[in-house]
Amino acid sequence: MGIVGLVIAGALVQAAPAPAPAAKTEDGTLMPSSNWMVDPIAGRCQLARGFGGVPPVAALVVERMPDGDDLIMLNVQPRGANLGHVRNLVLRNDLTGEEARHGEVNIFDNAGKRLLVIDHSESGFLNNVGPGATLSFRIGKRVVARIKPVGMRKGIAALDQCGVGLLRDWGIDLDARAKLRTMPVPVTPPYTWIKNEDFSGGGVAEGRPRHIDLALHRGRGWPGTRLRDGGVERIGGAR
C-alpha cells in the first residue's frame, strides 16, 4: 500500500479548494472540501476528492480498471477505536441500500489514519451514486466513515473520459473492443504475470517506489506485450 499512500497524499495536495458549507454534518458525515480531480497518474486514471475541511481530513480515490471494476480507497481516521487490519469492510450507498464488498482496512500511519479499500467493485455501484446519496464504510453494523460525494456522476464521467484516452495511448482499437460480447478472462491469475526481476534495478537501488504497467495485446497487427517500468517502455514478442 506504499505507492497507493503516495498517490493519495499527492491527490490531497493537488486538489483545488472548493467552498463547502461545513466540514461535516451533525451525524458525522464528511462533506466535500475540494473539487473532483481526475489525473492520469503513472499510466492509470484516478478520481480524487478531499473531505472534512481545509486541509482535508479524508481523501477519496477511485481507480477504474479497463475491465470495468473499480478500486475505491478512502484515507481517513475511522470513528471510534482504532482499527487493525480487517477484511470484512463493506461500502454502502445509504440512499439505495446497494453495497460493494471485497473490502479491507489497512493501517496507513501511526497517527490513526487507515486506508479503507474496496477492491473489484463493479463500476455500476459508483455510477448509481446520485444526488443526495451518502456513502458509508461499514464493518457489520458499525459505520467507520461516511462521506457525501456531491456531484459523483460528473466526477465518474470525467474519469471515464480519462480511461478512453488511456486506452488510446495503449494502442487499443476502441471500435473493436466495443464489439466484444465478453471481455477476455485470464487463464492464470494476473499477479503471477510479473516477477520481482521485471523491475529495473536502478530505481529499486535508489529506494524509489516502482510500479509496472503491463498490456497484453492479442490479434492481428497487435505489437505483442508492452511493459512499462517507471516510465521506461519495453516491447516484447509474447502473444
Protein backbone atom coordinates (compact mmCIF):
# COMPACT_ATOMS: atom_id res chain seq x y z
CA MET A 1 0.00 0.00 0.00
CA GLY A 2 3.03 2.32 0.00
CA ILE A 3 2.56 3.54 -3.58
CA VAL A 4 -1.17 3.97 -3.04
CA GLY A 5 -0.43 6.08 0.02
CA LEU A 6 1.85 8.33 -2.02
CA VAL A 7 -0.84 8.73 -4.65
CA ILE A 8 -3.46 9.69 -2.07
CA ALA A 9 -1.11 12.17 -0.44
CA GLY A 10 -0.46 13.72 -3.84
CA ALA A 11 -4.17 13.93 -4.55
CA LEU A 12 -4.74 15.83 -1.31
CA VAL A 13 -2.04 18.35 -2.16
CA GLN A 14 -3.17 18.88 -5.77
CA ALA A 15 -6.95 19.01 -5.26
CA ALA A 16 -8.16 22.57 -5.77
CA PRO A 17 -10.02 24.08 -2.79
CA ALA A 18 -13.79 24.39 -3.14
CA PRO A 19 -16.15 26.11 -0.73
CA ALA A 20 -18.17 23.78 1.50
CA PRO A 21 -20.98 24.68 3.91
CA ALA A 22 -19.39 22.68 6.73
CA ALA A 23 -16.62 20.15 7.29
CA LYS A 24 -19.16 17.57 8.47
CA THR A 25 -22.81 17.23 9.38
CA GLU A 26 -24.26 16.58 12.85
CA ASP A 27 -24.21 12.81 12.25
CA GLY A 28 -20.50 12.95 11.35
CA THR A 29 -20.87 12.72 7.57
CA LEU A 30 -17.77 14.29 5.98
CA MET A 31 -18.59 16.97 3.40
CA PRO A 32 -16.52 17.76 0.27
CA SER A 33 -13.70 20.25 0.80
CA SER A 34 -12.15 20.17 -2.68
CA ASN A 35 -13.27 19.75 -6.27
CA TRP A 36 -13.23 16.42 -8.07
CA MET A 37 -9.85 15.92 -9.73
CA VAL A 38 -9.01 13.40 -12.46
CA ASP A 39 -5.36 12.68 -13.06
CA PRO A 40 -3.70 10.05 -15.30
CA ILE A 41 -1.14 9.20 -12.62
CA ALA A 42 1.61 6.79 -13.71
CA GLY A 43 -0.35 5.41 -16.64
CA ARG A 44 -3.67 4.95 -14.84
CA CYS A 45 -6.71 7.19 -14.34
CA GLN A 46 -7.69 8.20 -10.83
CA LEU A 47 -10.52 10.33 -9.49
CA ALA A 48 -9.78 12.10 -6.20
CA ARG A 49 -11.50 14.46 -3.76
CA GLY A 50 -10.86 15.74 -0.26
CA PHE A 51 -13.46 15.68 2.53
CA GLY A 52 -13.88 17.12 6.02
CA GLY A 53 -12.44 20.62 5.91
CA VAL A 54 -9.36 22.50 4.69
CA PRO A 55 -6.93 20.88 4.78
CA PRO A 56 -8.98 17.71 4.18
CA VAL A 57 -9.13 15.09 6.91
CA ALA A 58 -10.03 12.37 4.39
CA ALA A 59 -9.25 11.66 0.75
CA LEU A 60 -11.34 9.53 -1.60
CA VAL A 61 -9.53 8.00 -4.57
CA VAL A 62 -11.22 5.89 -7.27
CA GLU A 63 -9.32 3.99 -9.93
CA ARG A 64 -11.36 2.45 -12.75
CA MET A 65 -9.89 -0.63 -14.39
CA PRO A 66 -10.20 -1.40 -18.14
CA ASP A 67 -12.43 -4.38 -17.29
CA GLY A 68 -14.95 -2.04 -15.63
CA ASP A 69 -14.12 -2.82 -11.99
CA ASP A 70 -13.35 0.00 -9.56
CA LEU A 71 -10.73 0.24 -6.84
CA ILE A 72 -12.19 2.56 -4.16
CA MET A 73 -9.97 3.95 -1.39
CA LEU A 74 -10.63 6.33 1.49
CA ASN A 75 -7.76 7.59 3.61
CA VAL A 76 -9.31 8.61 6.93
CA GLN A 77 -9.16 8.30 10.71
CA PRO A 78 -12.09 5.96 11.44
CA ARG A 79 -14.74 6.72 14.02
CA GLY A 80 -14.36 5.19 17.46
CA ALA A 81 -11.49 2.96 18.49
CA ASN A 82 -8.52 2.40 16.21
CA LEU A 83 -8.88 -0.44 13.77
CA GLY A 84 -6.29 -3.03 12.89
CA HIS A 85 -6.18 -4.93 9.62
CA VAL A 86 -9.78 -6.00 8.96
CA ARG A 87 -11.08 -7.86 5.88
CA ASN A 88 -14.87 -7.59 6.18
CA LEU A 89 -15.30 -3.95 5.14
CA VAL A 90 -18.43 -3.04 3.14
CA LEU A 91 -19.25 0.19 1.27
CA ARG A 92 -22.95 1.10 1.31
CA ASN A 93 -24.97 3.60 -0.70
CA ASP A 94 -27.21 4.81 2.12
CA LEU A 95 -29.78 6.20 -0.32
CA THR A 96 -30.38 2.99 -2.31
CA GLY A 97 -29.10 0.32 0.10
CA GLU A 98 -26.75 -1.04 -2.58
CA GLU A 99 -23.48 -2.46 -1.26
CA ALA A 100 -19.97 -3.09 -2.57
CA ARG A 101 -17.95 -5.73 -0.77
CA HIS A 102 -14.45 -7.25 -1.04
CA GLY A 103 -13.21 -4.57 1.37
CA GLU A 104 -10.46 -4.34 3.94
CA VAL A 105 -8.91 -1.88 6.38
CA ASN A 106 -5.17 -1.26 6.21
CA ILE A 107 -3.02 0.78 8.59
CA PHE A 108 -1.92 3.97 6.80
CA ASP A 109 0.19 5.63 9.50
CA ASN A 110 0.85 5.55 13.24
CA ALA A 111 -1.30 8.63 13.88
CA GLY A 112 -4.55 6.70 13.49
CA LYS A 113 -5.15 7.07 9.75
CA ARG A 114 -6.46 3.98 7.96
CA LEU A 115 -6.80 3.13 4.30
CA LEU A 116 -10.31 1.78 3.65
CA VAL A 117 -10.16 -0.24 0.44
CA ILE A 118 -12.98 -1.70 -1.65
CA ASP A 119 -11.42 -3.86 -4.36
CA HIS A 120 -13.05 -5.08 -7.58
CA SER A 121 -16.29 -3.18 -7.16
CA GLU A 122 -18.42 -3.27 -10.32
CA SER A 123 -18.50 0.17 -11.96
CA GLY A 124 -22.29 0.26 -11.72
CA PHE A 125 -22.05 0.84 -7.96
CA LEU A 126 -20.45 4.29 -8.23
CA ASN A 127 -22.36 5.08 -11.43
CA ASN A 128 -25.55 4.80 -9.36
CA VAL A 129 -24.46 7.30 -6.69
CA GLY A 130 -26.92 10.09 -7.46
CA PRO A 131 -27.83 13.44 -5.86
CA GLY A 132 -28.42 13.29 -2.12
CA ALA A 133 -26.56 10.00 -1.62
CA THR A 134 -24.09 9.32 1.16
CA LEU A 135 -21.52 6.52 1.17
CA SER A 136 -20.76 4.71 4.40
CA PHE A 137 -17.87 2.34 5.06
CA ARG A 138 -19.10 -0.35 7.45
CA ILE A 139 -17.88 -3.31 9.44
CA GLY A 140 -21.01 -5.22 10.34
CA LYS A 141 -23.45 -2.61 11.69
CA ARG A 142 -20.68 -0.22 12.69
CA VAL A 143 -20.12 2.84 10.46
CA VAL A 144 -16.39 3.62 10.46
CA ALA A 145 -16.61 6.54 7.99
CA ARG A 146 -19.31 8.31 5.99
CA ILE A 147 -18.91 10.83 3.15
CA LYS A 148 -21.28 12.84 0.96
CA PRO A 149 -19.86 12.66 -2.60
CA VAL A 150 -21.72 15.60 -4.13
CA GLY A 151 -21.57 15.51 -7.95
CA MET A 152 -20.23 11.95 -8.11
CA ARG A 153 -21.74 11.31 -11.56
CA LYS A 154 -19.86 14.26 -13.06
CA GLY A 155 -16.65 13.00 -11.50
CA ILE A 156 -17.21 9.49 -12.83
CA ALA A 157 -17.96 10.85 -16.32
CA ALA A 158 -14.61 12.67 -16.29
CA LEU A 159 -12.90 9.50 -15.05
CA ASP A 160 -14.39 7.51 -17.94
CA GLN A 161 -13.17 10.10 -20.45
CA CYS A 162 -9.69 9.78 -18.98
CA GLY A 163 -9.95 6.00 -19.38
CA VAL A 164 -10.81 6.30 -23.07
CA GLY A 165 -7.73 8.43 -23.62
CA LEU A 166 -5.59 5.96 -21.69
CA LEU A 167 -6.76 3.03 -23.82
CA ARG A 168 -5.97 5.01 -26.98
CA ASP A 169 -2.48 5.69 -25.62
CA TRP A 170 -2.01 1.96 -25.17
CA GLY A 171 -2.90 1.42 -28.84
CA ILE A 172 -6.24 -0.29 -28.15
CA ASP A 173 -8.74 -0.38 -31.04
CA LEU A 174 -11.77 1.06 -29.23
CA ASP A 175 -14.21 0.16 -32.03
CA ALA A 176 -13.10 -3.49 -31.99
CA ARG A 177 -13.21 -3.52 -28.20
CA ALA A 178 -16.77 -2.18 -28.17
CA LYS A 179 -17.89 -5.13 -30.34
CA LEU A 180 -16.68 -7.73 -27.85
CA ARG A 181 -19.58 -9.54 -26.22
CA THR A 182 -17.45 -10.53 -23.24
CA MET A 183 -14.06 -9.37 -22.03
CA PRO A 184 -11.15 -11.86 -22.09
CA VAL A 185 -10.75 -13.91 -18.92
CA PRO A 186 -7.17 -14.71 -17.78
CA VAL A 187 -6.25 -18.39 -17.57
CA THR A 188 -3.78 -17.70 -14.77
CA PRO A 189 -4.00 -15.01 -12.04
CA PRO A 190 -2.63 -11.64 -13.28
CA TYR A 191 -0.44 -11.27 -10.18
CA THR A 192 1.64 -14.22 -11.48
CA TRP A 193 2.49 -12.47 -14.76
CA ILE A 194 5.18 -10.20 -13.29
CA LYS A 195 8.12 -11.26 -11.12
CA ASN A 196 10.48 -9.24 -8.93
CA GLU A 197 13.21 -9.40 -11.58
CA ASP A 198 10.94 -7.49 -14.00
CA PHE A 199 11.59 -4.31 -12.01
CA SER A 200 14.59 -2.39 -13.30
CA GLY A 201 17.48 -2.38 -10.82
CA GLY A 202 18.26 1.34 -10.83
CA GLY A 203 15.08 2.68 -9.25
CA VAL A 204 14.91 -0.07 -6.66
CA ALA A 205 18.55 0.51 -5.64
CA GLU A 206 17.82 4.22 -5.22
CA GLY A 207 14.89 3.47 -2.95
CA ARG A 208 12.26 4.96 -5.25
CA PRO A 209 8.77 3.34 -5.29
CA ARG A 210 8.28 1.45 -8.55
CA HIS A 211 5.30 0.16 -10.47
CA ILE A 212 4.87 -1.88 -13.62
CA ASP A 213 2.07 -1.46 -16.16
CA LEU A 214 1.54 -4.45 -18.43
CA ALA A 215 -0.68 -4.59 -21.52
CA LEU A 216 -1.16 -7.87 -23.35
CA HIS A 217 -2.40 -7.39 -26.91
CA ARG A 218 -3.89 -10.27 -28.83
CA GLY A 219 -4.79 -10.37 -32.52
CA ARG A 220 -3.55 -9.38 -35.97
CA GLY A 221 -1.49 -6.23 -36.01
CA TRP A 222 -1.03 -6.04 -32.25
CA PRO A 223 2.51 -5.32 -31.05
CA GLY A 224 2.51 -8.15 -28.51
CA THR A 225 3.43 -7.30 -24.93
CA ARG A 226 4.09 -3.73 -23.80
CA LEU A 227 5.80 -3.39 -20.47
CA ARG A 228 6.27 -0.04 -18.79
CA ASP A 229 8.54 0.14 -15.76
CA GLY A 230 8.73 3.55 -14.11
CA GLY A 231 8.32 5.36 -17.43
CA VAL A 232 10.67 3.06 -19.37
CA GLU A 233 8.84 1.04 -22.01
CA ARG A 234 9.95 -2.34 -23.25
CA ILE A 235 8.25 -4.20 -26.12
CA GLY A 236 8.23 -7.98 -26.16
CA GLY A 237 7.03 -10.54 -28.68
CA ALA A 238 4.74 -12.56 -26.44
CA ARG A 239 1.34 -13.38 -27.92
